[in-house]
């Protein structure tokens, strides 16, 4: 069981790390994407700039066992907010580009 949890933590860490770093490289694109999800421009500018670093922080915090549970909660919160944002936009007939991995892939 311990090995399975370690593999899950490493996999999530890589996913959040790549997502955060690629968004950090393209902060303008990250801000634009948050705005495309319907967030007001001023708030989108802040969230778009902060989100990549939150993802990187979650990725790093998933690695040590002592912070893994808190980081897992943070990862879950990020994924829930993203899922709600997607659902709301789809319900409104919008399909914004997720920009999940910056310019690497959307």
C-alpha atoms as a PDB file:
ATOM      1  CA  UNK A   1       0.000   0.000   0.000  1.00  0.00           C
ATOM      2  CA  UNK A   2       2.861   2.368   0.840  1.00  0.00           C
ATOM      3  CA  UNK A   3       4.406   1.879  -2.599  1.00  0.00           C
ATOM      4  CA  UNK A   4       1.086   2.606  -4.303  1.00  0.00           C
ATOM      5  CA  UNK A   5       0.695   5.857  -2.334  1.00  0.00           C
ATOM      6  CA  UNK A   6       4.261   6.863  -3.196  1.00  0.00           C
ATOM      7  CA  UNK A   7       3.617   6.268  -6.896  1.00  0.00           C
ATOM      8  CA  UNK A   8       0.360   8.268  -6.717  1.00  0.00           C
ATOM      9  CA  UNK A   9       2.138  11.154  -4.953  1.00  0.00           C
ATOM     10  CA  UNK A  10       4.951  11.158  -7.510  1.00  0.00           C
ATOM     11  CA  UNK A  11       2.538  11.054 -10.446  1.00  0.00           C
ATOM     12  CA  UNK A  12       0.418  13.896  -9.057  1.00  0.00           C
ATOM     13  CA  UNK A  13       3.546  15.863  -8.257  1.00  0.00           C
ATOM     14  CA  UNK A  14       4.794  15.563 -11.835  1.00  0.00           C
ATOM     15  CA  UNK A  15       1.395  16.543 -13.266  1.00  0.00           C
ATOM     16  CA  UNK A  16       0.994  19.601 -11.025  1.00  0.00           C
ATOM     17  CA  UNK A  17       4.665  20.511 -11.439  1.00  0.00           C
ATOM     18  CA  UNK A  18       4.559  20.437 -15.241  1.00  0.00           C
ATOM     19  CA  UNK A  19       1.236  22.316 -15.259  1.00  0.00           C
ATOM     20  CA  UNK A  20       2.593  24.989 -12.919  1.00  0.00           C
ATOM     21  CA  UNK A  21       5.931  25.463 -14.651  1.00  0.00           C
ATOM     22  CA  UNK A  22       4.430  25.673 -18.138  1.00  0.00           C
ATOM     23  CA  UNK A  23       1.836  28.200 -16.934  1.00  0.00           C
ATOM     24  CA  UNK A  24       4.568  30.203 -15.162  1.00  0.00           C
ATOM     25  CA  UNK A  25       6.506  30.385 -18.429  1.00  0.00           C
ATOM     26  CA  UNK A  26       3.400  31.831 -20.127  1.00  0.00           C
ATOM     27  CA  UNK A  27       1.854  34.059 -17.442  1.00  0.00           C
ATOM     28  CA  UNK A  28       0.040  36.182 -20.024  1.00  0.00           C
ATOM     29  CA  UNK A  29      -1.646  33.068 -21.392  1.00  0.00           C
ATOM     30  CA  UNK A  30      -2.503  31.922 -17.877  1.00  0.00           C
ATOM     31  CA  UNK A  31      -4.156  35.279 -17.095  1.00  0.00           C
ATOM     32  CA  UNK A  32      -6.047  35.227 -20.391  1.00  0.00           C
ATOM     33  CA  UNK A  33      -7.321  31.704 -19.758  1.00  0.00           C
ATOM     34  CA  UNK A  34      -8.606  32.561 -16.281  1.00  0.00           C
ATOM     35  CA  UNK A  35     -10.450  35.520 -17.826  1.00  0.00           C
ATOM     36  CA  UNK A  36     -11.838  33.234 -20.565  1.00  0.00           C
ATOM     37  CA  UNK A  37     -13.389  31.124 -17.796  1.00  0.00           C
ATOM     38  CA  UNK A  38     -15.518  34.144 -16.844  1.00  0.00           C
ATOM     39  CA  UNK A  39     -13.471  35.542 -13.974  1.00  0.00           C
ATOM     40  CA  UNK A  40     -13.530  39.386 -13.921  1.00  0.00           C
ATOM     41  CA  UNK A  41     -10.428  40.920 -15.549  1.00  0.00           C
ATOM     42  CA  UNK A  42      -8.807  42.357 -12.401  1.00  0.00           C
ATOM     43  CA  UNK A  43      -9.275  39.139 -10.443  1.00  0.00           C
ATOM     44  CA  UNK A  44      -8.212  37.074 -13.476  1.00  0.00           C
ATOM     45  CA  UNK A  45      -4.938  38.994 -13.659  1.00  0.00           C
ATOM     46  CA  UNK A  46      -4.138  38.111 -10.049  1.00  0.00           C
ATOM     47  CA  UNK A  47      -5.371  34.502 -10.214  1.00  0.00           C
ATOM     48  CA  UNK A  48      -3.629  33.892 -13.527  1.00  0.00           C
ATOM     49  CA  UNK A  49      -0.345  35.066 -12.046  1.00  0.00           C
ATOM     50  CA  UNK A  50      -0.702  33.187  -8.739  1.00  0.00           C
ATOM     51  CA  UNK A  51      -2.182  29.888  -9.964  1.00  0.00           C
ATOM     52  CA  UNK A  52       1.023  28.518 -11.546  1.00  0.00           C
ATOM     53  CA  UNK A  53       2.950  29.031  -8.322  1.00  0.00           C
ATOM     54  CA  UNK A  54       0.200  27.415  -6.245  1.00  0.00           C
ATOM     55  CA  UNK A  55       0.400  24.390  -8.553  1.00  0.00           C
ATOM     56  CA  UNK A  56       4.184  24.270  -8.169  1.00  0.00           C
ATOM     57  CA  UNK A  57       3.832  24.547  -4.390  1.00  0.00           C
ATOM     58  CA  UNK A  58       1.328  21.675  -4.349  1.00  0.00           C
ATOM     59  CA  UNK A  59       3.662  19.595  -6.528  1.00  0.00           C
ATOM     60  CA  UNK A  60       6.593  20.161  -4.157  1.00  0.00           C
ATOM     61  CA  UNK A  61       4.490  19.591  -1.037  1.00  0.00           C
ATOM     62  CA  UNK A  62       3.306  16.216  -2.371  1.00  0.00           C
ATOM     63  CA  UNK A  63       6.849  14.841  -2.193  1.00  0.00           C
ATOM     64  CA  UNK A  64       7.607  14.787   1.561  1.00  0.00           C
ATOM     65  CA  UNK A  65       5.383  12.443   3.513  1.00  0.00           C
ATOM     66  CA  UNK A  66       4.860  15.058   6.234  1.00  0.00           C
ATOM     67  CA  UNK A  67       3.133  17.515   3.888  1.00  0.00           C
ATOM     68  CA  UNK A  68       1.565  15.059   1.448  1.00  0.00           C
ATOM     69  CA  UNK A  69      -1.915  15.044   3.060  1.00  0.00           C
ATOM     70  CA  UNK A  70      -2.157  18.837   3.093  1.00  0.00           C
ATOM     71  CA  UNK A  71      -0.888  18.967  -0.502  1.00  0.00           C
ATOM     72  CA  UNK A  72      -3.396  16.297  -1.526  1.00  0.00           C
ATOM     73  CA  UNK A  73      -6.153  18.468  -0.074  1.00  0.00           C
ATOM     74  CA  UNK A  74      -4.821  21.427  -2.039  1.00  0.00           C
ATOM     75  CA  UNK A  75      -4.683  19.351  -5.215  1.00  0.00           C
ATOM     76  CA  UNK A  76      -8.246  18.187  -4.650  1.00  0.00           C
ATOM     77  CA  UNK A  77      -9.406  21.774  -4.091  1.00  0.00           C
ATOM     78  CA  UNK A  78      -7.713  22.946  -7.304  1.00  0.00           C
ATOM     79  CA  UNK A  79      -9.231  20.089  -9.290  1.00  0.00           C
ATOM     80  CA  UNK A  80     -12.700  20.734  -7.846  1.00  0.00           C
ATOM     81  CA  UNK A  81     -12.583  24.448  -8.665  1.00  0.00           C
ATOM     82  CA  UNK A  82     -11.366  23.639 -12.186  1.00  0.00           C
ATOM     83  CA  UNK A  83     -14.108  21.012 -12.665  1.00  0.00           C
ATOM     84  CA  UNK A  84     -16.787  23.432 -11.468  1.00  0.00           C
ATOM     85  CA  UNK A  85     -15.421  26.109 -13.799  1.00  0.00           C
ATOM     86  CA  UNK A  86     -15.546  23.712 -16.745  1.00  0.00           C
ATOM     87  CA  UNK A  87     -19.080  22.563 -15.849  1.00  0.00           C
ATOM     88  CA  UNK A  88     -20.377  26.130 -15.512  1.00  0.00           C
ATOM     89  CA  UNK A  89     -18.849  27.148 -18.833  1.00  0.00           C
ATOM     90  CA  UNK A  90     -20.172  24.089 -20.644  1.00  0.00           C
ATOM     91  CA  UNK A  91     -23.639  24.707 -19.189  1.00  0.00           C
ATOM     92  CA  UNK A  92     -23.472  28.257 -20.591  1.00  0.00           C
ATOM     93  CA  UNK A  93     -22.444  26.941 -24.001  1.00  0.00           C
ATOM     94  CA  UNK A  94     -18.829  28.113 -23.682  1.00  0.00           C
ATOM     95  CA  UNK A  95     -15.800  25.934 -24.233  1.00  0.00           C
ATOM     96  CA  UNK A  96     -12.714  27.907 -23.155  1.00  0.00           C
ATOM     97  CA  UNK A  97      -9.267  26.501 -23.774  1.00  0.00           C
ATOM     98  CA  UNK A  98      -8.096  25.086 -20.438  1.00  0.00           C
ATOM     99  CA  UNK A  99      -4.424  26.027 -20.954  1.00  0.00           C
ATOM    100  CA  UNK A 100      -3.762  23.232 -18.453  1.00  0.00           C
ATOM    101  CA  UNK A 101      -0.136  22.809 -19.468  1.00  0.00           C
ATOM    102  CA  UNK A 102       0.607  26.297 -20.722  1.00  0.00           C
ATOM    103  CA  UNK A 103       1.843  26.384 -24.306  1.00  0.00           C
ATOM    104  CA  UNK A 104       2.849  22.717 -24.032  1.00  0.00           C
ATOM    105  CA  UNK A 105      -0.728  21.436 -24.434  1.00  0.00           C
ATOM    106  CA  UNK A 106      -4.275  22.524 -23.718  1.00  0.00           C
END
